[in-house]
Amino acid sequence: MITRNDVEYYHENGYLLVKGVFNSQEVEEMRKSVDNIIKKAAEAKLDSNHAWQGDFVSEREIHKLVLKGFHNLEYHDSSFIKAIVHENMIEILSKLIGPNVQLHHSKMLVKPPEKGAAFPMHQDYPYFPHEKHSMLAASVHLDNADIENGCLHVIPKSHQSGPLEHRGQHYLNHKEYPIELGTPCPAEAGDVLFFNYLTVHGSQSNKSNRTRRNVLFQYRDPSDLPVKNVHVDWGQGLMVCGENPVFQEYDPNKIVDKLKIES
């Protein structure tokens, strides 16, 4: 699905949009699953608003904006485990990361029409820092995304600067890194945007009358160890392709590792 030039582009620029990774039937299956998860969460009274808050948006706007986000999708619906290990994904991941690829976690991000919250510019690194920076996000588009409904913006080559100083809620100073500074990445349903966890990215609010549904899979080389014992949960550790060179046990409260993990 991708060429050597695509791989070079990813490593140089920190992101790569791949068209048509999932077909329309696969997209529709995941779309229905996302909607069903939201419905079940609401019925269980476990629904919540995951909109980012801070001085990048006014107090008046904060109360209007909504973002639906739940982790470990593969534990809620089998359509996501099929997507995580899809043959097209494996082909791409094995070229971007290497022969051994491991799932770190999954989540969904849904921006409802006209009130879907913005994401200020940030790196994913502060949430789960690793030694070798192999971690990447695969943002699977379940709806067409454009500037109007809050498509992702990335700053090309920003991953080359390494970890940047983030503010309290793990986002960058919005005056220094406005969303408009990024390159918009419009995409169609079934497309996947791959980006390194050091690549600065964000998105505007959904101002359209269309929903923007994405699911996000975070992958890494299993030999790339975390530098902090953070973001460890029940969805972590699935080998997507290849093998895990290190014997590990995953626990929600700790990581037992044969290699040193700095706390």
C-alpha atoms as a PDB file:
ATOM      1  CA  MET A   1       0.000   0.000   0.000  1.00  0.00           C
ATOM      2  CA  ILE A   2       2.936   2.329   0.438  1.00  0.00           C
ATOM      3  CA  THR A   3       6.177   2.803  -1.464  1.00  0.00           C
ATOM      4  CA  ARG A   4       9.751   3.433  -0.368  1.00  0.00           C
ATOM      5  CA  ASN A   5       9.165   7.114  -1.135  1.00  0.00           C
ATOM      6  CA  ASP A   6       6.170   7.093   1.218  1.00  0.00           C
ATOM      7  CA  VAL A   7       8.305   5.616   3.999  1.00  0.00           C
ATOM      8  CA  GLU A   8      10.984   8.252   3.417  1.00  0.00           C
ATOM      9  CA  TYR A   9       8.303  10.952   3.458  1.00  0.00           C
ATOM     10  CA  TYR A  10       6.992   9.680   6.805  1.00  0.00           C
ATOM     11  CA  HIS A  11      10.409   9.629   8.453  1.00  0.00           C
ATOM     12  CA  GLU A  12      11.300  13.080   7.092  1.00  0.00           C
ATOM     13  CA  ASN A  13       7.977  14.824   7.753  1.00  0.00           C
ATOM     14  CA  GLY A  14       6.606  12.833  10.690  1.00  0.00           C
ATOM     15  CA  TYR A  15       3.280  11.926   9.081  1.00  0.00           C
ATOM     16  CA  LEU A  16       1.757  10.094   6.116  1.00  0.00           C
ATOM     17  CA  LEU A  17      -1.822   9.958   4.820  1.00  0.00           C
ATOM     18  CA  VAL A  18      -2.666   6.619   3.193  1.00  0.00           C
ATOM     19  CA  LYS A  19      -5.801   6.471   1.078  1.00  0.00           C
ATOM     20  CA  GLY A  20      -8.334   3.658   1.101  1.00  0.00           C
ATOM     21  CA  VAL A  21      -6.856   1.456   3.823  1.00  0.00           C
ATOM     22  CA  PHE A  22     -10.353   0.286   4.797  1.00  0.00           C
ATOM     23  CA  ASN A  23     -13.220  -0.366   2.393  1.00  0.00           C
ATOM     24  CA  SER A  24     -16.728   1.051   2.755  1.00  0.00           C
ATOM     25  CA  GLN A  25     -18.120  -2.081   4.429  1.00  0.00           C
ATOM     26  CA  GLU A  26     -15.343  -2.090   7.044  1.00  0.00           C
ATOM     27  CA  VAL A  27     -15.837   1.623   7.671  1.00  0.00           C
ATOM     28  CA  GLU A  28     -19.587   1.204   8.134  1.00  0.00           C
ATOM     29  CA  GLU A  29     -19.058  -1.651  10.588  1.00  0.00           C
ATOM     30  CA  MET A  30     -16.717   0.473  12.729  1.00  0.00           C
ATOM     31  CA  ARG A  31     -18.994   3.494  12.432  1.00  0.00           C
ATOM     32  CA  LYS A  32     -21.943   1.535  13.814  1.00  0.00           C
ATOM     33  CA  SER A  33     -19.721   0.139  16.566  1.00  0.00           C
ATOM     34  CA  VAL A  34     -18.626   3.637  17.632  1.00  0.00           C
ATOM     35  CA  ASP A  35     -22.230   4.837  17.776  1.00  0.00           C
ATOM     36  CA  ASN A  36     -23.193   1.750  19.781  1.00  0.00           C
ATOM     37  CA  ILE A  37     -20.395   2.285  22.314  1.00  0.00           C
ATOM     38  CA  ILE A  38     -21.585   5.850  22.909  1.00  0.00           C
ATOM     39  CA  LYS A  39     -25.162   4.612  23.332  1.00  0.00           C
ATOM     40  CA  LYS A  40     -24.181   1.870  25.800  1.00  0.00           C
ATOM     41  CA  ALA A  41     -21.959   4.253  27.787  1.00  0.00           C
ATOM     42  CA  ALA A  42     -24.861   6.669  28.135  1.00  0.00           C
ATOM     43  CA  GLU A  43     -27.220   3.884  29.238  1.00  0.00           C
ATOM     44  CA  ALA A  44     -24.655   2.766  31.834  1.00  0.00           C
ATOM     45  CA  LYS A  45     -24.288   6.379  32.999  1.00  0.00           C
ATOM     46  CA  LEU A  46     -20.579   6.185  32.184  1.00  0.00           C
ATOM     47  CA  ASP A  47     -20.698   8.765  29.424  1.00  0.00           C
ATOM     48  CA  SER A  48     -18.536  11.862  29.789  1.00  0.00           C
ATOM     49  CA  ASN A  49     -17.270  14.877  27.902  1.00  0.00           C
ATOM     50  CA  HIS A  50     -13.585  14.635  26.989  1.00  0.00           C
ATOM     51  CA  ALA A  51     -13.295  18.132  25.536  1.00  0.00           C
ATOM     52  CA  TRP A  52      -9.935  19.771  26.265  1.00  0.00           C
ATOM     53  CA  GLN A  53     -10.122  22.784  28.541  1.00  0.00           C
ATOM     54  CA  GLY A  54      -7.750  25.669  29.041  1.00  0.00           C
ATOM     55  CA  ASP A  55      -6.999  29.210  27.983  1.00  0.00           C
ATOM     56  CA  PHE A  56      -6.922  28.287  24.279  1.00  0.00           C
ATOM     57  CA  VAL A  57     -10.731  28.530  24.316  1.00  0.00           C
ATOM     58  CA  SER A  58     -13.032  30.946  26.142  1.00  0.00           C
ATOM     59  CA  GLU A  59     -15.124  29.921  29.151  1.00  0.00           C
ATOM     60  CA  ARG A  60     -18.266  30.565  27.103  1.00  0.00           C
ATOM     61  CA  GLU A  61     -17.116  28.165  24.387  1.00  0.00           C
ATOM     62  CA  ILE A  62     -15.964  25.443  26.817  1.00  0.00           C
ATOM     63  CA  HIS A  63     -19.501  24.745  27.983  1.00  0.00           C
ATOM     64  CA  LYS A  64     -20.752  24.395  24.406  1.00  0.00           C
ATOM     65  CA  LEU A  65     -18.118  21.982  23.128  1.00  0.00           C
ATOM     66  CA  VAL A  66     -18.259  18.202  23.227  1.00  0.00           C
ATOM     67  CA  LEU A  67     -15.770  15.431  22.499  1.00  0.00           C
ATOM     68  CA  LYS A  68     -16.578  11.755  22.920  1.00  0.00           C
ATOM     69  CA  GLY A  69     -13.577   9.561  23.636  1.00  0.00           C
ATOM     70  CA  PHE A  70     -13.269   6.037  25.018  1.00  0.00           C
ATOM     71  CA  HIS A  71     -10.198   3.783  25.220  1.00  0.00           C
ATOM     72  CA  ASN A  72      -9.588   0.095  24.472  1.00  0.00           C
ATOM     73  CA  LEU A  73     -12.140  -0.221  21.694  1.00  0.00           C
ATOM     74  CA  GLU A  74     -11.173  -3.818  20.981  1.00  0.00           C
ATOM     75  CA  TYR A  75     -12.650  -4.767  24.357  1.00  0.00           C
ATOM     76  CA  HIS A  76     -16.010  -3.316  23.337  1.00  0.00           C
ATOM     77  CA  ASP A  77     -16.440  -4.593  19.788  1.00  0.00           C
ATOM     78  CA  SER A  78     -14.668  -7.159  17.598  1.00  0.00           C
ATOM     79  CA  SER A  79     -14.699  -4.853  14.547  1.00  0.00           C
ATOM     80  CA  PHE A  80     -11.781  -2.965  16.080  1.00  0.00           C
ATOM     81  CA  ILE A  81      -9.563  -5.962  16.701  1.00  0.00           C
ATOM     82  CA  LYS A  82     -10.037  -6.797  13.010  1.00  0.00           C
ATOM     83  CA  ALA A  83      -9.034  -3.247  12.119  1.00  0.00           C
ATOM     84  CA  ILE A  84      -6.002  -3.243  14.439  1.00  0.00           C
ATOM     85  CA  VAL A  85      -4.546  -6.335  12.733  1.00  0.00           C
ATOM     86  CA  HIS A  86      -5.933  -5.658   9.236  1.00  0.00           C
ATOM     87  CA  GLU A  87      -3.591  -6.887   6.501  1.00  0.00           C
ATOM     88  CA  ASN A  88      -3.319  -3.390   5.009  1.00  0.00           C
ATOM     89  CA  MET A  89      -2.392  -1.948   8.393  1.00  0.00           C
ATOM     90  CA  ILE A  90       0.237  -4.623   8.970  1.00  0.00           C
ATOM     91  CA  GLU A  91       1.776  -3.966   5.571  1.00  0.00           C
ATOM     92  CA  ILE A  92       2.081  -0.257   6.337  1.00  0.00           C
ATOM     93  CA  LEU A  93       3.156  -0.578   9.976  1.00  0.00           C
ATOM     94  CA  SER A  94       5.891  -3.096   9.229  1.00  0.00           C
ATOM     95  CA  LYS A  95       7.439  -0.536   6.875  1.00  0.00           C
ATOM     96  CA  LEU A  96       7.051   2.481   9.158  1.00  0.00           C
ATOM     97  CA  ILE A  97       8.027   0.810  12.464  1.00  0.00           C
ATOM     98  CA  GLY A  98       9.712  -2.477  11.566  1.00  0.00           C
ATOM     99  CA  PRO A  99       9.004  -6.223  11.567  1.00  0.00           C
ATOM    100  CA  ASN A 100       7.854  -6.243  15.204  1.00  0.00           C
ATOM    101  CA  VAL A 101       4.810  -4.080  15.944  1.00  0.00           C
ATOM    102  CA  GLN A 102       2.832  -3.918  19.174  1.00  0.00           C
ATOM    103  CA  LEU A 103      -0.422  -2.181  20.038  1.00  0.00           C
ATOM    104  CA  HIS A 104      -0.075   0.344  22.850  1.00  0.00           C
ATOM    105  CA  HIS A 105      -3.729   1.398  23.079  1.00  0.00           C
ATOM    106  CA  SER A 106      -6.787   2.356  21.081  1.00  0.00           C
ATOM    107  CA  LYS A 107      -9.424   5.030  21.465  1.00  0.00           C
ATOM    108  CA  MET A 108     -12.252   6.742  19.630  1.00  0.00           C
ATOM    109  CA  LEU A 109     -12.674  10.464  19.030  1.00  0.00           C
ATOM    110  CA  VAL A 110     -16.067  11.766  17.951  1.00  0.00           C
ATOM    111  CA  LYS A 111     -16.802  15.421  17.200  1.00  0.00           C
ATOM    112  CA  PRO A 112     -20.575  15.974  17.073  1.00  0.00           C
ATOM    113  CA  PRO A 113     -22.003  18.421  14.502  1.00  0.00           C
ATOM    114  CA  GLU A 114     -21.620  22.140  15.265  1.00  0.00           C
ATOM    115  CA  LYS A 115     -20.172  21.612  18.761  1.00  0.00           C
ATOM    116  CA  GLY A 116     -17.337  19.115  18.380  1.00  0.00           C
ATOM    117  CA  ALA A 117     -14.458  20.393  20.493  1.00  0.00           C
ATOM    118  CA  ALA A 118     -11.078  21.481  19.175  1.00  0.00           C
ATOM    119  CA  PHE A 119      -7.755  19.857  20.097  1.00  0.00           C
ATOM    120  CA  PRO A 120      -5.005  22.414  20.789  1.00  0.00           C
ATOM    121  CA  MET A 121      -1.633  21.701  19.232  1.00  0.00           C
ATOM    122  CA  HIS A 122       0.359  19.099  21.153  1.00  0.00           C
ATOM    123  CA  GLN A 123       2.591  16.068  20.960  1.00  0.00           C
ATOM    124  CA  ASP A 124       1.402  12.683  22.220  1.00  0.00           C
ATOM    125  CA  TYR A 125       4.823  12.113  23.808  1.00  0.00           C
ATOM    126  CA  PRO A 126       3.972  13.594  27.264  1.00  0.00           C
ATOM    127  CA  TYR A 127       1.220  11.004  27.769  1.00  0.00           C
ATOM    128  CA  PHE A 128       3.409   7.944  27.189  1.00  0.00           C
ATOM    129  CA  PRO A 129       7.109   8.823  26.683  1.00  0.00           C
ATOM    130  CA  HIS A 130       9.353   6.085  25.264  1.00  0.00           C
ATOM    131  CA  GLU A 131      13.090   5.679  24.784  1.00  0.00           C
ATOM    132  CA  LYS A 132      13.377   5.291  21.003  1.00  0.00           C
ATOM    133  CA  HIS A 133      10.332   7.293  19.839  1.00  0.00           C
ATOM    134  CA  SER A 134       8.997   4.521  17.591  1.00  0.00           C
ATOM    135  CA  MET A 135       5.443   5.242  18.766  1.00  0.00           C
ATOM    136  CA  LEU A 136       3.001   6.361  16.093  1.00  0.00           C
ATOM    137  CA  ALA A 137      -0.706   7.035  15.872  1.00  0.00           C
ATOM    138  CA  ALA A 138      -2.905   5.626  13.117  1.00  0.00           C
ATOM    139  CA  SER A 139      -5.963   7.850  12.849  1.00  0.00           C
ATOM    140  CA  VAL A 140      -8.668   5.900  11.009  1.00  0.00           C
ATOM    141  CA  HIS A 141     -11.274   8.147   9.399  1.00  0.00           C
ATOM    142  CA  LEU A 142     -14.841   6.865   9.612  1.00  0.00           C
ATOM    143  CA  ASP A 143     -16.263  10.042   8.053  1.00  0.00           C
ATOM    144  CA  ASN A 144     -14.969  12.461   5.472  1.00  0.00           C
ATOM    145  CA  ALA A 145     -12.905  15.079   7.296  1.00  0.00           C
ATOM    146  CA  ASP A 146     -12.132  18.620   6.164  1.00  0.00           C
ATOM    147  CA  ILE A 147     -11.334  21.964   7.739  1.00  0.00           C
ATOM    148  CA  GLU A 148     -15.017  22.703   8.352  1.00  0.00           C
ATOM    149  CA  ASN A 149     -15.639  19.622  10.507  1.00  0.00           C
ATOM    150  CA  GLY A 150     -12.288  19.638  12.280  1.00  0.00           C
ATOM    151  CA  CYS A 151      -9.760  17.594  10.323  1.00  0.00           C
ATOM    152  CA  LEU A 152      -6.316  17.099  11.802  1.00  0.00           C
ATOM    153  CA  HIS A 153      -3.556  19.686  11.324  1.00  0.00           C
ATOM    154  CA  VAL A 154       0.097  18.656  11.604  1.00  0.00           C
ATOM    155  CA  ILE A 155       3.356  20.594  11.594  1.00  0.00           C
ATOM    156  CA  PRO A 156       5.645  18.773   9.141  1.00  0.00           C
ATOM    157  CA  LYS A 157       9.100  17.852  10.461  1.00  0.00           C
ATOM    158  CA  SER A 158       8.206  18.995  13.983  1.00  0.00           C
ATOM    159  CA  HIS A 159       9.098  15.512  15.293  1.00  0.00           C
ATOM    160  CA  GLN A 160      12.723  16.299  14.465  1.00  0.00           C
ATOM    161  CA  SER A 161      12.793  18.807  17.345  1.00  0.00           C
ATOM    162  CA  GLY A 162      12.244  16.050  19.902  1.00  0.00           C
ATOM    163  CA  PRO A 163      10.046  16.463  23.009  1.00  0.00           C
ATOM    164  CA  LEU A 164       8.761  20.013  23.529  1.00  0.00           C
ATOM    165  CA  GLU A 165       7.726  21.698  26.764  1.00  0.00           C
ATOM    166  CA  HIS A 166       3.976  21.320  27.288  1.00  0.00           C
ATOM    167  CA  ARG A 167       1.598  23.101  29.601  1.00  0.00           C
ATOM    168  CA  GLY A 168      -0.400  21.597  32.470  1.00  0.00           C
ATOM    169  CA  GLN A 169      -2.908  19.645  30.398  1.00  0.00           C
ATOM    170  CA  HIS A 170      -0.268  18.433  27.960  1.00  0.00           C
ATOM    171  CA  TYR A 171      -0.790  20.929  25.199  1.00  0.00           C
ATOM    172  CA  LEU A 172       1.512  23.559  23.731  1.00  0.00           C
ATOM    173  CA  ASN A 173       1.217  27.307  24.187  1.00  0.00           C
ATOM    174  CA  HIS A 174      -1.604  28.149  21.766  1.00  0.00           C
ATOM    175  CA  LYS A 175      -0.128  31.583  21.054  1.00  0.00           C
ATOM    176  CA  GLU A 176       3.151  30.053  19.950  1.00  0.00           C
ATOM    177  CA  TYR A 177       1.524  27.045  18.279  1.00  0.00           C
ATOM    178  CA  PRO A 178      -1.902  28.071  16.909  1.00  0.00           C
ATOM    179  CA  ILE A 179      -3.776  25.336  15.069  1.00  0.00           C
ATOM    180  CA  GLU A 180      -3.577  27.425  11.900  1.00  0.00           C
ATOM    181  CA  LEU A 181       0.192  26.952  11.956  1.00  0.00           C
ATOM    182  CA  GLY A 182      -0.314  23.304  11.020  1.00  0.00           C
ATOM    183  CA  THR A 183      -0.891  21.786   7.592  1.00  0.00           C
ATOM    184  CA  PRO A 184      -4.513  20.584   7.283  1.00  0.00           C
ATOM    185  CA  CYS A 185      -4.898  16.896   6.396  1.00  0.00           C
ATOM    186  CA  PRO A 186      -8.348  16.445   4.836  1.00  0.00           C
ATOM    187  CA  ALA A 187      -9.242  12.795   4.362  1.00  0.00           C
ATOM    188  CA  GLU A 188     -12.042  10.508   3.230  1.00  0.00           C
ATOM    189  CA  ALA A 189     -13.702   7.704   5.147  1.00  0.00           C
ATOM    190  CA  GLY A 190     -11.390   4.691   5.021  1.00  0.00           C
ATOM    191  CA  ASP A 191      -8.195   6.757   4.858  1.00  0.00           C
ATOM    192  CA  VAL A 192      -5.642   6.530   7.674  1.00  0.00           C
ATOM    193  CA  LEU A 193      -3.308   9.299   8.808  1.00  0.00           C
ATOM    194  CA  PHE A 194      -0.128   7.929  10.396  1.00  0.00           C
ATOM    195  CA  PHE A 195       1.962  10.317  12.494  1.00  0.00           C
ATOM    196  CA  ASN A 196       4.816   9.986  14.976  1.00  0.00           C
ATOM    197  CA  TYR A 197       3.981  10.774  18.597  1.00  0.00           C
ATOM    198  CA  LEU A 198       6.494  13.655  18.497  1.00  0.00           C
ATOM    199  CA  THR A 199       4.740  15.290  15.535  1.00  0.00           C
ATOM    200  CA  VAL A 200       2.888  18.420  16.657  1.00  0.00           C
ATOM    201  CA  HIS A 201      -0.789  18.137  15.752  1.00  0.00           C
ATOM    202  CA  GLY A 202      -4.231  19.464  16.639  1.00  0.00           C
ATOM    203  CA  SER A 203      -7.622  20.205  15.132  1.00  0.00           C
ATOM    204  CA  GLN A 204     -10.261  22.895  15.040  1.00  0.00           C
ATOM    205  CA  SER A 205     -13.787  22.466  16.375  1.00  0.00           C
ATOM    206  CA  ASN A 206     -16.487  20.932  14.196  1.00  0.00           C
ATOM    207  CA  LYS A 207     -18.406  23.857  12.738  1.00  0.00           C
ATOM    208  CA  SER A 208     -20.296  21.766  10.187  1.00  0.00           C
ATOM    209  CA  ASN A 209     -23.578  19.864  10.367  1.00  0.00           C
ATOM    210  CA  ARG A 210     -21.653  16.589   9.907  1.00  0.00           C
ATOM    211  CA  THR A 211     -20.245  14.229  12.539  1.00  0.00           C
ATOM    212  CA  ARG A 212     -16.492  13.567  12.507  1.00  0.00           C
ATOM    213  CA  ARG A 213     -15.734  10.081  13.799  1.00  0.00           C
ATOM    214  CA  ASN A 214     -12.171   8.774  14.091  1.00  0.00           C
ATOM    215  CA  VAL A 215     -10.649   5.802  15.831  1.00  0.00           C
ATOM    216  CA  LEU A 216      -7.028   6.007  16.879  1.00  0.00           C
ATOM    217  CA  PHE A 217      -4.626   3.092  17.226  1.00  0.00           C
ATOM    218  CA  GLN A 218      -1.254   3.743  18.883  1.00  0.00           C
ATOM    219  CA  TYR A 219       1.512   1.335  17.842  1.00  0.00           C
ATOM    220  CA  ARG A 220       5.174   0.903  18.823  1.00  0.00           C
ATOM    221  CA  ASP A 221       8.190  -1.333  18.448  1.00  0.00           C
ATOM    222  CA  PRO A 222       7.950  -3.685  21.483  1.00  0.00           C
ATOM    223  CA  SER A 223      11.656  -3.162  22.211  1.00  0.00           C
ATOM    224  CA  ASP A 224      11.004   0.568  22.625  1.00  0.00           C
ATOM    225  CA  LEU A 225      10.459   0.751  26.381  1.00  0.00           C
ATOM    226  CA  PRO A 226       8.567   3.466  28.274  1.00  0.00           C
ATOM    227  CA  VAL A 227      10.672   5.880  30.290  1.00  0.00           C
ATOM    228  CA  LYS A 228       7.852   6.361  32.811  1.00  0.00           C
ATOM    229  CA  ASN A 229       5.404   3.890  34.278  1.00  0.00           C
ATOM    230  CA  VAL A 230       2.366   5.716  32.906  1.00  0.00           C
ATOM    231  CA  HIS A 231      -0.610   5.003  30.651  1.00  0.00           C
ATOM    232  CA  VAL A 232      -0.592   1.270  31.377  1.00  0.00           C
ATOM    233  CA  ASP A 233      -4.007  -0.365  31.067  1.00  0.00           C
ATOM    234  CA  TRP A 234      -5.775  -3.553  30.100  1.00  0.00           C
ATOM    235  CA  GLY A 235      -5.632  -2.943  26.365  1.00  0.00           C
ATOM    236  CA  GLN A 236      -1.867  -2.846  26.078  1.00  0.00           C
ATOM    237  CA  GLY A 237       0.604  -5.327  24.626  1.00  0.00           C
ATOM    238  CA  LEU A 238      -1.092  -7.080  21.683  1.00  0.00           C
ATOM    239  CA  MET A 239       1.470  -8.149  19.076  1.00  0.00           C
ATOM    240  CA  VAL A 240       0.189  -7.011  15.686  1.00  0.00           C
ATOM    241  CA  CYS A 241       3.002  -8.560  13.685  1.00  0.00           C
ATOM    242  CA  GLY A 242       6.362 -10.180  14.371  1.00  0.00           C
ATOM    243  CA  GLU A 243       7.408 -11.091  17.895  1.00  0.00           C
ATOM    244  CA  ASN A 244       8.079  -9.478  21.232  1.00  0.00           C
ATOM    245  CA  PRO A 245      11.829  -9.825  21.864  1.00  0.00           C
ATOM    246  CA  VAL A 246      11.321  -9.237  25.599  1.00  0.00           C
ATOM    247  CA  PHE A 247       9.215 -11.362  27.942  1.00  0.00           C
ATOM    248  CA  GLN A 248       6.730  -8.975  29.555  1.00  0.00           C
ATOM    249  CA  GLU A 249       3.681  -9.144  31.788  1.00  0.00           C
ATOM    250  CA  TYR A 250       1.143  -6.355  31.655  1.00  0.00           C
ATOM    251  CA  ASP A 251      -0.754  -5.220  34.710  1.00  0.00           C
ATOM    252  CA  PRO A 252      -2.985  -2.141  35.155  1.00  0.00           C
ATOM    253  CA  ASN A 253      -0.902  -1.064  38.139  1.00  0.00           C
ATOM    254  CA  LYS A 254       2.619  -1.930  37.079  1.00  0.00           C
ATOM    255  CA  ILE A 255       4.871  -3.171  34.326  1.00  0.00           C
ATOM    256  CA  VAL A 256       7.027  -6.199  35.039  1.00  0.00           C
ATOM    257  CA  ASP A 257       9.912  -6.063  32.625  1.00  0.00           C
ATOM    258  CA  LYS A 258      13.150  -7.902  32.058  1.00  0.00           C
ATOM    259  CA  LEU A 259      14.726  -4.599  31.089  1.00  0.00           C
ATOM    260  CA  LYS A 260      15.092  -1.481  33.208  1.00  0.00           C
ATOM    261  CA  ILE A 261      12.216   0.998  33.261  1.00  0.00           C
ATOM    262  CA  GLU A 262      12.997   4.339  34.793  1.00  0.00           C
ATOM    263  CA  SER A 263      10.359   5.708  37.098  1.00  0.00           C
END
